[in-house]
């Protein structure tokens, strides 16, 4: 799976990463803000390591994901990190209800 995180206001990709089947990934260091999450499932990672030779599902998470750091009562900073469970089988939904998008939308700059 290739995942793209886009700034909501500009649509620019702020992070992109590959997640191997049956693996987990985490992303740290994103500033507070509003983001849109897209992903593509496929087989045979291309030589550029940015696409699949045979993509079979392209989707986005619904709505905007808000990332925010907050201070608790003791003054410690805590990042409110969302957790998304996605499966490499399009028929399995995990804990989100993704929406299909085009490869053109996924590959936009």
PDB file of N, CA and C in Angstrom:
ATOM      1  N   UNK A   1       0.843  -1.152   0.000  1.00  0.00           N
ATOM      2  CA  UNK A   1       0.000   0.000   0.000  1.00  0.00           C
ATOM      3  C   UNK A   1       0.904   1.236   0.000  1.00  0.00           C
ATOM      4  N   UNK A   2       0.560   2.205  -0.825  1.00  0.00           N
ATOM      5  CA  UNK A   2       1.239   3.496  -0.808  1.00  0.00           C
ATOM      6  C   UNK A   2       0.246   4.500  -0.249  1.00  0.00           C
ATOM      7  N   UNK A   3       0.676   5.242   0.755  1.00  0.00           N
ATOM      8  CA  UNK A   3      -0.189   6.202   1.438  1.00  0.00           C
ATOM      9  C   UNK A   3       0.339   7.612   1.190  1.00  0.00           C
ATOM     10  N   UNK A   4      -0.565   8.534   0.882  1.00  0.00           N
ATOM     11  CA  UNK A   4      -0.211   9.950   0.750  1.00  0.00           C
ATOM     12  C   UNK A   4      -1.013  10.756   1.758  1.00  0.00           C
ATOM     13  N   UNK A   5      -0.330  11.666   2.429  1.00  0.00           N
ATOM     14  CA  UNK A   5      -0.966  12.606   3.348  1.00  0.00           C
ATOM     15  C   UNK A   5      -0.855  13.977   2.704  1.00  0.00           C
ATOM     16  N   UNK A   6      -1.989  14.621   2.482  1.00  0.00           N
ATOM     17  CA  UNK A   6      -2.026  15.925   1.813  1.00  0.00           C
ATOM     18  C   UNK A   6      -2.534  17.005   2.762  1.00  0.00           C
ATOM     19  N   UNK A   7      -1.924  18.182   2.682  1.00  0.00           N
ATOM     20  CA  UNK A   7      -2.431  19.338   3.419  1.00  0.00           C
ATOM     21  C   UNK A   7      -3.810  19.668   2.854  1.00  0.00           C
ATOM     22  N   UNK A   8      -4.788  19.845   3.717  1.00  0.00           N
ATOM     23  CA  UNK A   8      -6.159  20.077   3.254  1.00  0.00           C
ATOM     24  C   UNK A   8      -6.285  21.365   2.450  1.00  0.00           C
ATOM     25  N   UNK A   9      -5.670  22.442   2.887  1.00  0.00           N
ATOM     26  CA  UNK A   9      -5.828  23.730   2.203  1.00  0.00           C
ATOM     27  C   UNK A   9      -5.184  23.778   0.829  1.00  0.00           C
ATOM     28  N   UNK A  10      -4.011  23.191   0.683  1.00  0.00           N
ATOM     29  CA  UNK A  10      -3.280  23.296  -0.578  1.00  0.00           C
ATOM     30  C   UNK A  10      -3.383  22.060  -1.452  1.00  0.00           C
ATOM     31  N   UNK A  11      -3.641  20.897  -0.843  1.00  0.00           N
ATOM     32  CA  UNK A  11      -3.655  19.648  -1.586  1.00  0.00           C
ATOM     33  C   UNK A  11      -2.262  19.085  -1.838  1.00  0.00           C
ATOM     34  N   UNK A  12      -1.231  19.778  -1.353  1.00  0.00           N
ATOM     35  CA  UNK A  12       0.140  19.316  -1.562  1.00  0.00           C
ATOM     36  C   UNK A  12       0.441  18.108  -0.682  1.00  0.00           C
ATOM     37  N   UNK A  13       1.219  17.183  -1.217  1.00  0.00           N
ATOM     38  CA  UNK A  13       1.631  16.003  -0.466  1.00  0.00           C
ATOM     39  C   UNK A  13       2.671  16.424   0.566  1.00  0.00           C
ATOM     40  N   UNK A  14       2.415  16.135   1.830  1.00  0.00           N
ATOM     41  CA  UNK A  14       3.365  16.446   2.907  1.00  0.00           C
ATOM     42  C   UNK A  14       4.089  15.192   3.384  1.00  0.00           C
ATOM     43  N   UNK A  15       3.550  14.026   3.064  1.00  0.00           N
ATOM     44  CA  UNK A  15       4.201  12.765   3.410  1.00  0.00           C
ATOM     45  C   UNK A  15       3.654  11.680   2.499  1.00  0.00           C
ATOM     46  N   UNK A  16       4.535  10.783   2.098  1.00  0.00           N
ATOM     47  CA  UNK A  16       4.148   9.641   1.289  1.00  0.00           C
ATOM     48  C   UNK A  16       5.010   8.470   1.732  1.00  0.00           C
ATOM     49  N   UNK A  17       4.387   7.295   1.901  1.00  0.00           N
ATOM     50  CA  UNK A  17       5.160   6.152   2.359  1.00  0.00           C
ATOM     51  C   UNK A  17       4.513   4.848   1.914  1.00  0.00           C
ATOM     52  N   UNK A  18       5.325   3.787   1.914  1.00  0.00           N
ATOM     53  CA  UNK A  18       4.909   2.447   1.529  1.00  0.00           C
ATOM     54  C   UNK A  18       4.688   1.617   2.780  1.00  0.00           C
ATOM     55  N   UNK A  19       3.615   0.829   2.791  1.00  0.00           N
ATOM     56  CA  UNK A  19       3.344  -0.104   3.876  1.00  0.00           C
ATOM     57  C   UNK A  19       3.217  -1.493   3.254  1.00  0.00           C
ATOM     58  N   UNK A  20       4.111  -2.390   3.649  1.00  0.00           N
ATOM     59  CA  UNK A  20       4.100  -3.757   3.119  1.00  0.00           C
ATOM     60  C   UNK A  20       2.883  -4.513   3.663  1.00  0.00           C
ATOM     61  N   UNK A  21       2.414  -5.537   2.940  1.00  0.00           N
ATOM     62  CA  UNK A  21       1.284  -6.344   3.422  1.00  0.00           C
ATOM     63  C   UNK A  21       1.552  -6.906   4.817  1.00  0.00           C
ATOM     64  N   UNK A  22       0.512  -6.924   5.626  1.00  0.00           N
ATOM     65  CA  UNK A  22       0.562  -7.438   7.001  1.00  0.00           C
ATOM     66  C   UNK A  22       1.517  -6.673   7.910  1.00  0.00           C
ATOM     67  N   UNK A  23       1.809  -5.442   7.571  1.00  0.00           N
ATOM     68  CA  UNK A  23       2.700  -4.613   8.375  1.00  0.00           C
ATOM     69  C   UNK A  23       1.948  -3.372   8.850  1.00  0.00           C
ATOM     70  N   UNK A  24       2.555  -2.671   9.789  1.00  0.00           N
ATOM     71  CA  UNK A  24       2.011  -1.415  10.298  1.00  0.00           C
ATOM     72  C   UNK A  24       3.004  -0.310  10.015  1.00  0.00           C
ATOM     73  N   UNK A  25       2.520   0.902   9.948  1.00  0.00           N
ATOM     74  CA  UNK A  25       3.391   2.060   9.767  1.00  0.00           C
ATOM     75  C   UNK A  25       2.874   3.188  10.635  1.00  0.00           C
ATOM     76  N   UNK A  26       3.783   4.042  11.066  1.00  0.00           N
ATOM     77  CA  UNK A  26       3.374   5.236  11.799  1.00  0.00           C
ATOM     78  C   UNK A  26       4.118   6.413  11.213  1.00  0.00           C
ATOM     79  N   UNK A  27       3.566   7.563  11.405  1.00  0.00           N
ATOM     80  CA  UNK A  27       4.123   8.788  10.855  1.00  0.00           C
ATOM     81  C   UNK A  27       4.192   9.807  11.968  1.00  0.00           C
ATOM     82  N   UNK A  28       5.362  10.387  12.167  1.00  0.00           N
ATOM     83  CA  UNK A  28       5.554  11.383  13.204  1.00  0.00           C
ATOM     84  C   UNK A  28       6.085  12.664  12.583  1.00  0.00           C
ATOM     85  N   UNK A  29       5.926  13.750  13.291  1.00  0.00           N
ATOM     86  CA  UNK A  29       6.520  15.005  12.872  1.00  0.00           C
ATOM     87  C   UNK A  29       5.647  15.896  12.015  1.00  0.00           C
ATOM     88  N   UNK A  30       4.411  15.497  11.751  1.00  0.00           N
ATOM     89  CA  UNK A  30       3.526  16.387  11.002  1.00  0.00           C
ATOM     90  C   UNK A  30       3.088  17.526  11.910  1.00  0.00           C
ATOM     91  N   UNK A  31       3.106  18.756  11.413  1.00  0.00           N
ATOM     92  CA  UNK A  31       2.624  19.857  12.240  1.00  0.00           C
ATOM     93  C   UNK A  31       1.103  19.784  12.431  1.00  0.00           C
ATOM     94  N   UNK A  32       0.617  20.433  13.469  1.00  0.00           N
ATOM     95  CA  UNK A  32      -0.830  20.506  13.679  1.00  0.00           C
ATOM     96  C   UNK A  32      -1.477  21.016  12.395  1.00  0.00           C
ATOM     97  N   UNK A  33      -2.628  20.467  12.084  1.00  0.00           N
ATOM     98  CA  UNK A  33      -3.326  20.936  10.897  1.00  0.00           C
ATOM     99  C   UNK A  33      -4.359  19.960  10.409  1.00  0.00           C
ATOM    100  N   UNK A  34      -4.899  20.282   9.241  1.00  0.00           N
ATOM    101  CA  UNK A  34      -5.938  19.480   8.598  1.00  0.00           C
ATOM    102  C   UNK A  34      -5.325  18.756   7.411  1.00  0.00           C
ATOM    103  N   UNK A  35      -5.579  17.449   7.339  1.00  0.00           N
ATOM    104  CA  UNK A  35      -4.974  16.617   6.306  1.00  0.00           C
ATOM    105  C   UNK A  35      -6.005  15.704   5.670  1.00  0.00           C
ATOM    106  N   UNK A  36      -5.719  15.321   4.430  1.00  0.00           N
ATOM    107  CA  UNK A  36      -6.510  14.322   3.717  1.00  0.00           C
ATOM    108  C   UNK A  36      -5.586  13.132   3.449  1.00  0.00           C
ATOM    109  N   UNK A  37      -6.111  11.931   3.637  1.00  0.00           N
ATOM    110  CA  UNK A  37      -5.327  10.716   3.492  1.00  0.00           C
ATOM    111  C   UNK A  37      -5.823   9.924   2.280  1.00  0.00           C
ATOM    112  N   UNK A  38      -4.885   9.565   1.392  1.00  0.00           N
ATOM    113  CA  UNK A  38      -5.198   8.762   0.211  1.00  0.00           C
ATOM    114  C   UNK A  38      -4.299   7.531   0.205  1.00  0.00           C
ATOM    115  N   UNK A  39      -4.749   6.475  -0.486  1.00  0.00           N
ATOM    116  CA  UNK A  39      -3.888   5.303  -0.612  1.00  0.00           C
ATOM    117  C   UNK A  39      -4.218   4.526  -1.878  1.00  0.00           C
ATOM    118  N   UNK A  40      -3.249   3.740  -2.308  1.00  0.00           N
ATOM    119  CA  UNK A  40      -3.433   2.859  -3.458  1.00  0.00           C
ATOM    120  C   UNK A  40      -2.932   1.472  -3.071  1.00  0.00           C
ATOM    121  N   UNK A  41      -3.686   0.467  -3.479  1.00  0.00           N
ATOM    122  CA  UNK A  41      -3.306  -0.933  -3.291  1.00  0.00           C
ATOM    123  C   UNK A  41      -2.897  -1.478  -4.647  1.00  0.00           C
ATOM    124  N   UNK A  42      -1.897  -2.328  -4.650  1.00  0.00           N
ATOM    125  CA  UNK A  42      -1.470  -2.881  -5.921  1.00  0.00           C
ATOM    126  C   UNK A  42      -0.450  -3.977  -5.737  1.00  0.00           C
ATOM    127  N   UNK A  43       0.016  -4.491  -6.864  1.00  0.00           N
ATOM    128  CA  UNK A  43       1.045  -5.519  -6.849  1.00  0.00           C
ATOM    129  C   UNK A  43       2.231  -5.032  -7.667  1.00  0.00           C
ATOM    130  N   UNK A  44       3.373  -5.519  -7.330  1.00  0.00           N
ATOM    131  CA  UNK A  44       4.632  -5.205  -8.008  1.00  0.00           C
ATOM    132  C   UNK A  44       4.943  -3.712  -7.934  1.00  0.00           C
ATOM    133  N   UNK A  45       5.687  -3.342  -6.925  1.00  0.00           N
ATOM    134  CA  UNK A  45       6.126  -1.963  -6.754  1.00  0.00           C
ATOM    135  C   UNK A  45       7.001  -1.575  -7.941  1.00  0.00           C
ATOM    136  N   UNK A  46       6.743  -0.429  -8.535  1.00  0.00           N
ATOM    137  CA  UNK A  46       7.509   0.038  -9.687  1.00  0.00           C
ATOM    138  C   UNK A  46       8.924   0.444  -9.271  1.00  0.00           C
ATOM    139  N   UNK A  47       9.804   0.572 -10.240  1.00  0.00           N
ATOM    140  CA  UNK A  47      11.198   0.938  -9.966  1.00  0.00           C
ATOM    141  C   UNK A  47      11.322   2.274  -9.249  1.00  0.00           C
ATOM    142  N   UNK A  48      10.388   3.188  -9.494  1.00  0.00           N
ATOM    143  CA  UNK A  48      10.463   4.503  -8.843  1.00  0.00           C
ATOM    144  C   UNK A  48      10.059   4.447  -7.365  1.00  0.00           C
ATOM    145  N   UNK A  49       9.578   3.291  -6.903  1.00  0.00           N
ATOM    146  CA  UNK A  49       9.114   3.080  -5.515  1.00  0.00           C
ATOM    147  C   UNK A  49       8.019   4.058  -5.116  1.00  0.00           C
ATOM    148  N   UNK A  50       7.325   4.644  -6.093  1.00  0.00           N
ATOM    149  CA  UNK A  50       6.261   5.609  -5.825  1.00  0.00           C
ATOM    150  C   UNK A  50       4.928   5.178  -6.426  1.00  0.00           C
ATOM    151  N   UNK A  51       4.929   4.016  -7.067  1.00  0.00           N
ATOM    152  CA  UNK A  51       3.711   3.544  -7.713  1.00  0.00           C
ATOM    153  C   UNK A  51       3.763   2.029  -7.855  1.00  0.00           C
ATOM    154  N   UNK A  52       2.607   1.460  -8.222  1.00  0.00           N
ATOM    155  CA  UNK A  52       2.515   0.029  -8.469  1.00  0.00           C
ATOM    156  C   UNK A  52       2.388  -0.208  -9.967  1.00  0.00           C
ATOM    157  N   UNK A  53       2.958  -1.293 -10.428  1.00  0.00           N
ATOM    158  CA  UNK A  53       2.813  -1.663 -11.835  1.00  0.00           C
ATOM    159  C   UNK A  53       1.364  -2.070 -12.098  1.00  0.00           C
ATOM    160  N   UNK A  54       0.751  -2.753 -11.106  1.00  0.00           N
ATOM    161  CA  UNK A  54      -0.634  -3.198 -11.241  1.00  0.00           C
ATOM    162  C   UNK A  54      -1.472  -2.691 -10.066  1.00  0.00           C
ATOM    163  N   UNK A  55      -1.915  -1.423 -10.095  1.00  0.00           N
ATOM    164  CA  UNK A  55      -2.789  -0.947  -9.018  1.00  0.00           C
ATOM    165  C   UNK A  55      -4.172  -1.572  -9.162  1.00  0.00           C
ATOM    166  N   UNK A  56      -4.813  -1.901  -8.029  1.00  0.00           N
ATOM    167  CA  UNK A  56      -6.156  -2.476  -8.125  1.00  0.00           C
ATOM    168  C   UNK A  56      -7.184  -1.768  -7.262  1.00  0.00           C
ATOM    169  N   UNK A  57      -6.789  -0.837  -6.422  1.00  0.00           N
ATOM    170  CA  UNK A  57      -7.759  -0.061  -5.648  1.00  0.00           C
ATOM    171  C   UNK A  57      -7.101   1.263  -5.252  1.00  0.00           C
ATOM    172  N   UNK A  58      -7.817   2.341  -5.478  1.00  0.00           N
ATOM    173  CA  UNK A  58      -7.335   3.674  -5.123  1.00  0.00           C
ATOM    174  C   UNK A  58      -8.454   4.338  -4.326  1.00  0.00           C
ATOM    175  N   UNK A  59      -8.119   4.870  -3.146  1.00  0.00           N
ATOM    176  CA  UNK A  59      -9.175   5.420  -2.285  1.00  0.00           C
ATOM    177  C   UNK A  59      -8.633   6.537  -1.401  1.00  0.00           C
ATOM    178  N   UNK A  60      -9.565   7.200  -0.736  1.00  0.00           N
ATOM    179  CA  UNK A  60      -9.218   8.212   0.263  1.00  0.00           C
ATOM    180  C   UNK A  60     -10.076   7.975   1.494  1.00  0.00           C
ATOM    181  N   UNK A  61      -9.566   8.413   2.627  1.00  0.00           N
ATOM    182  CA  UNK A  61     -10.374   8.375   3.836  1.00  0.00           C
ATOM    183  C   UNK A  61     -11.377   9.512   3.751  1.00  0.00           C
ATOM    184  N   UNK A  62     -12.593   9.314   4.221  1.00  0.00           N
ATOM    185  CA  UNK A  62     -13.596  10.368   4.117  1.00  0.00           C
ATOM    186  C   UNK A  62     -13.254  11.558   5.007  1.00  0.00           C
ATOM    187  N   UNK A  63     -13.558  12.737   4.516  1.00  0.00           N
ATOM    188  CA  UNK A  63     -13.394  13.949   5.314  1.00  0.00           C
ATOM    189  C   UNK A  63     -11.954  14.351   5.526  1.00  0.00           C
ATOM    190  N   UNK A  64     -11.797  15.239   6.480  1.00  0.00           N
ATOM    191  CA  UNK A  64     -10.496  15.812   6.821  1.00  0.00           C
ATOM    192  C   UNK A  64     -10.062  15.258   8.171  1.00  0.00           C
ATOM    193  N   UNK A  65      -8.788  14.900   8.274  1.00  0.00           N
ATOM    194  CA  UNK A  65      -8.236  14.397   9.528  1.00  0.00           C
ATOM    195  C   UNK A  65      -7.530  15.545  10.229  1.00  0.00           C
ATOM    196  N   UNK A  66      -7.965  15.861  11.438  1.00  0.00           N
ATOM    197  CA  UNK A  66      -7.366  16.959  12.199  1.00  0.00           C
ATOM    198  C   UNK A  66      -6.301  16.400  13.135  1.00  0.00           C
ATOM    199  N   UNK A  67      -5.090  16.915  13.020  1.00  0.00           N
ATOM    200  CA  UNK A  67      -4.002  16.528  13.905  1.00  0.00           C
ATOM    201  C   UNK A  67      -3.699  17.715  14.811  1.00  0.00           C
ATOM    202  N   UNK A  68      -3.674  17.457  16.116  1.00  0.00           N
ATOM    203  CA  UNK A  68      -3.496  18.548  17.063  1.00  0.00           C
ATOM    204  C   UNK A  68      -2.724  18.085  18.281  1.00  0.00           C
ATOM    205  N   UNK A  69      -1.776  18.906  18.708  1.00  0.00           N
ATOM    206  CA  UNK A  69      -1.024  18.662  19.925  1.00  0.00           C
ATOM    207  C   UNK A  69      -1.676  19.455  21.050  1.00  0.00           C
ATOM    208  N   UNK A  70      -1.847  18.814  22.201  1.00  0.00           N
ATOM    209  CA  UNK A  70      -2.476  19.485  23.343  1.00  0.00           C
ATOM    210  C   UNK A  70      -1.644  19.277  24.595  1.00  0.00           C
ATOM    211  N   UNK A  71      -1.750  20.183  25.532  1.00  0.00           N
ATOM    212  CA  UNK A  71      -1.081  20.043  26.828  1.00  0.00           C
ATOM    213  C   UNK A  71      -2.059  19.454  27.830  1.00  0.00           C
ATOM    214  N   UNK A  72      -1.577  18.450  28.593  1.00  0.00           N
ATOM    215  CA  UNK A  72      -2.437  17.892  29.636  1.00  0.00           C
ATOM    216  C   UNK A  72      -2.313  18.746  30.899  1.00  0.00           C
ATOM    217  N   UNK A  73      -2.988  18.367  31.966  1.00  0.00           N
ATOM    218  CA  UNK A  73      -3.008  19.150  33.211  1.00  0.00           C
ATOM    219  C   UNK A  73      -1.607  19.343  33.789  1.00  0.00           C
ATOM    220  N   UNK A  74      -0.686  18.401  33.545  1.00  0.00           N
ATOM    221  CA  UNK A  74       0.688  18.508  34.053  1.00  0.00           C
ATOM    222  C   UNK A  74       1.604  19.289  33.136  1.00  0.00           C
ATOM    223  N   UNK A  75       1.095  19.781  32.023  1.00  0.00           N
ATOM    224  CA  UNK A  75       1.901  20.561  31.093  1.00  0.00           C
ATOM    225  C   UNK A  75       2.607  19.740  30.033  1.00  0.00           C
ATOM    226  N   UNK A  76       2.357  18.437  30.010  1.00  0.00           N
ATOM    227  CA  UNK A  76       3.006  17.571  29.028  1.00  0.00           C
ATOM    228  C   UNK A  76       2.275  17.670  27.696  1.00  0.00           C
ATOM    229  N   UNK A  77       3.037  17.806  26.609  1.00  0.00           N
ATOM    230  CA  UNK A  77       2.448  17.850  25.281  1.00  0.00           C
ATOM    231  C   UNK A  77       2.042  16.440  24.860  1.00  0.00           C
ATOM    232  N   UNK A  78       0.841  16.327  24.358  1.00  0.00           N
ATOM    233  CA  UNK A  78       0.351  15.043  23.858  1.00  0.00           C
ATOM    234  C   UNK A  78      -0.254  15.274  22.478  1.00  0.00           C
ATOM    235  N   UNK A  79       0.156  14.430  21.547  1.00  0.00           N
ATOM    236  CA  UNK A  79      -0.372  14.516  20.193  1.00  0.00           C
ATOM    237  C   UNK A  79      -1.567  13.602  20.086  1.00  0.00           C
ATOM    238  N   UNK A  80      -2.667  14.129  19.639  1.00  0.00           N
ATOM    239  CA  UNK A  80      -3.881  13.341  19.443  1.00  0.00           C
ATOM    240  C   UNK A  80      -3.746  12.612  18.115  1.00  0.00           C
ATOM    241  N   UNK A  81      -3.237  11.384  18.153  1.00  0.00           N
ATOM    242  CA  UNK A  81      -2.951  10.675  16.911  1.00  0.00           C
ATOM    243  C   UNK A  81      -4.075   9.724  16.525  1.00  0.00           C
ATOM    244  N   UNK A  82      -4.632   9.939  15.338  1.00  0.00           N
ATOM    245  CA  UNK A  82      -5.656   9.011  14.864  1.00  0.00           C
ATOM    246  C   UNK A  82      -5.006   7.705  14.435  1.00  0.00           C
ATOM    247  N   UNK A  83      -5.743   6.623  14.561  1.00  0.00           N
ATOM    248  CA  UNK A  83      -5.264   5.313  14.124  1.00  0.00           C
ATOM    249  C   UNK A  83      -6.244   4.795  13.076  1.00  0.00           C
ATOM    250  N   UNK A  84      -5.703   4.414  11.924  1.00  0.00           N
ATOM    251  CA  UNK A  84      -6.524   3.903  10.838  1.00  0.00           C
ATOM    252  C   UNK A  84      -6.129   2.465  10.568  1.00  0.00           C
ATOM    253  N   UNK A  85      -7.122   1.591  10.434  1.00  0.00           N
ATOM    254  CA  UNK A  85      -6.867   0.207  10.073  1.00  0.00           C
ATOM    255  C   UNK A  85      -7.403  -0.009   8.669  1.00  0.00           C
ATOM    256  N   UNK A  86      -6.493  -0.341   7.755  1.00  0.00           N
ATOM    257  CA  UNK A  86      -6.855  -0.592   6.361  1.00  0.00           C
ATOM    258  C   UNK A  86      -6.359  -1.981   5.988  1.00  0.00           C
ATOM    259  N   UNK A  87      -7.076  -2.640   5.108  1.00  0.00           N
ATOM    260  CA  UNK A  87      -6.685  -3.966   4.667  1.00  0.00           C
ATOM    261  C   UNK A  87      -6.327  -3.939   3.193  1.00  0.00           C
ATOM    262  N   UNK A  88      -5.456  -4.846   2.775  1.00  0.00           N
ATOM    263  CA  UNK A  88      -5.051  -4.906   1.365  1.00  0.00           C
ATOM    264  C   UNK A  88      -6.096  -5.575   0.485  1.00  0.00           C
ATOM    265  N   UNK A  89      -7.192  -5.995   1.094  1.00  0.00           N
ATOM    266  CA  UNK A  89      -8.320  -6.532   0.338  1.00  0.00           C
ATOM    267  C   UNK A  89      -9.408  -5.471   0.340  1.00  0.00           C
ATOM    268  N   UNK A  90      -9.734  -4.905  -0.835  1.00  0.00           N
ATOM    269  CA  UNK A  90     -10.731  -3.832  -0.875  1.00  0.00           C
ATOM    270  C   UNK A  90     -12.068  -4.191  -0.246  1.00  0.00           C
ATOM    271  N   UNK A  91     -12.404  -5.476  -0.185  1.00  0.00           N
ATOM    272  CA  UNK A  91     -13.699  -5.879   0.381  1.00  0.00           C
ATOM    273  C   UNK A  91     -13.723  -5.797   1.905  1.00  0.00           C
ATOM    274  N   UNK A  92     -12.558  -5.675   2.554  1.00  0.00           N
ATOM    275  CA  UNK A  92     -12.490  -5.564   4.014  1.00  0.00           C
ATOM    276  C   UNK A  92     -12.304  -4.098   4.359  1.00  0.00           C
ATOM    277  N   UNK A  93     -13.114  -3.573   5.267  1.00  0.00           N
ATOM    278  CA  UNK A  93     -13.138  -2.130   5.479  1.00  0.00           C
ATOM    279  C   UNK A  93     -12.310  -1.621   6.648  1.00  0.00           C
ATOM    280  N   UNK A  94     -11.820  -2.442   7.558  1.00  0.00           N
ATOM    281  CA  UNK A  94     -11.055  -1.937   8.698  1.00  0.00           C
ATOM    282  C   UNK A  94     -11.928  -1.048   9.561  1.00  0.00           C
ATOM    283  N   UNK A  95     -11.341   0.041  10.099  1.00  0.00           N
ATOM    284  CA  UNK A  95     -12.121   0.925  10.966  1.00  0.00           C
ATOM    285  C   UNK A  95     -12.501   2.237  10.283  1.00  0.00           C
ATOM    286  N   UNK A  96     -12.381   2.297   8.963  1.00  0.00           N
ATOM    287  CA  UNK A  96     -12.800   3.473   8.196  1.00  0.00           C
ATOM    288  C   UNK A  96     -13.617   3.017   7.001  1.00  0.00           C
ATOM    289  N   UNK A  97     -14.334   3.951   6.389  1.00  0.00           N
ATOM    290  CA  UNK A  97     -15.122   3.660   5.203  1.00  0.00           C
ATOM    291  C   UNK A  97     -14.538   4.450   4.032  1.00  0.00           C
ATOM    292  N   UNK A  98     -13.496   3.908   3.361  1.00  0.00           N
ATOM    293  CA  UNK A  98     -12.829   4.652   2.302  1.00  0.00           C
ATOM    294  C   UNK A  98     -13.738   4.912   1.106  1.00  0.00           C
ATOM    295  N   UNK A  99     -13.379   5.958   0.350  1.00  0.00           N
ATOM    296  CA  UNK A  99     -14.117   6.339  -0.852  1.00  0.00           C
ATOM    297  C   UNK A  99     -13.189   6.201  -2.049  1.00  0.00           C
ATOM    298  N   UNK A 100     -13.664   5.571  -3.109  1.00  0.00           N
ATOM    299  CA  UNK A 100     -12.847   5.364  -4.308  1.00  0.00           C
ATOM    300  C   UNK A 100     -12.513   6.709  -4.956  1.00  0.00           C
ATOM    301  N   UNK A 101     -11.266   6.816  -5.466  1.00  0.00           N
ATOM    302  CA  UNK A 101     -10.824   7.977  -6.235  1.00  0.00           C
ATOM    303  C   UNK A 101     -10.090   7.465  -7.469  1.00  0.00           C
ATOM    304  N   UNK A 102      -9.763   8.352  -8.388  1.00  0.00           N
ATOM    305  CA  UNK A 102      -9.037   7.982  -9.593  1.00  0.00           C
ATOM    306  C   UNK A 102      -7.530   8.021  -9.359  1.00  0.00           C
ATOM    307  N   UNK A 103      -6.774   7.328 -10.210  1.00  0.00           N
ATOM    308  CA  UNK A 103      -5.319   7.411 -10.139  1.00  0.00           C
ATOM    309  C   UNK A 103      -4.860   8.836 -10.431  1.00  0.00           C
ATOM    310  N   UNK A 104      -5.588   9.552 -11.278  1.00  0.00           N
ATOM    311  CA  UNK A 104      -5.248  10.943 -11.571  1.00  0.00           C
ATOM    312  C   UNK A 104      -5.298  11.781 -10.312  1.00  0.00           C
ATOM    313  N   UNK A 105      -6.328  11.608  -9.505  1.00  0.00           N
ATOM    314  CA  UNK A 105      -6.446  12.349  -8.241  1.00  0.00           C
ATOM    315  C   UNK A 105      -5.331  11.942  -7.285  1.00  0.00           C
ATOM    316  N   UNK A 106      -5.026  10.658  -7.210  1.00  0.00           N
ATOM    317  CA  UNK A 106      -3.968  10.178  -6.330  1.00  0.00           C
ATOM    318  C   UNK A 106      -2.600  10.732  -6.751  1.00  0.00           C
ATOM    319  N   UNK A 107      -2.347  10.788  -8.060  1.00  0.00           N
ATOM    320  CA  UNK A 107      -1.042  11.218  -8.562  1.00  0.00           C
ATOM    321  C   UNK A 107      -0.893  12.733  -8.712  1.00  0.00           C
ATOM    322  N   UNK A 108      -1.936  13.504  -8.417  1.00  0.00           N
ATOM    323  CA  UNK A 108      -1.852  14.965  -8.561  1.00  0.00           C
ATOM    324  C   UNK A 108      -0.723  15.530  -7.722  1.00  0.00           C
ATOM    325  N   UNK A 109      -0.083  16.570  -8.216  1.00  0.00           N
ATOM    326  CA  UNK A 109       1.004  17.227  -7.469  1.00  0.00           C
ATOM    327  C   UNK A 109       0.493  18.025  -6.311  1.00  0.00           C
TER     328      UNK A 109
END
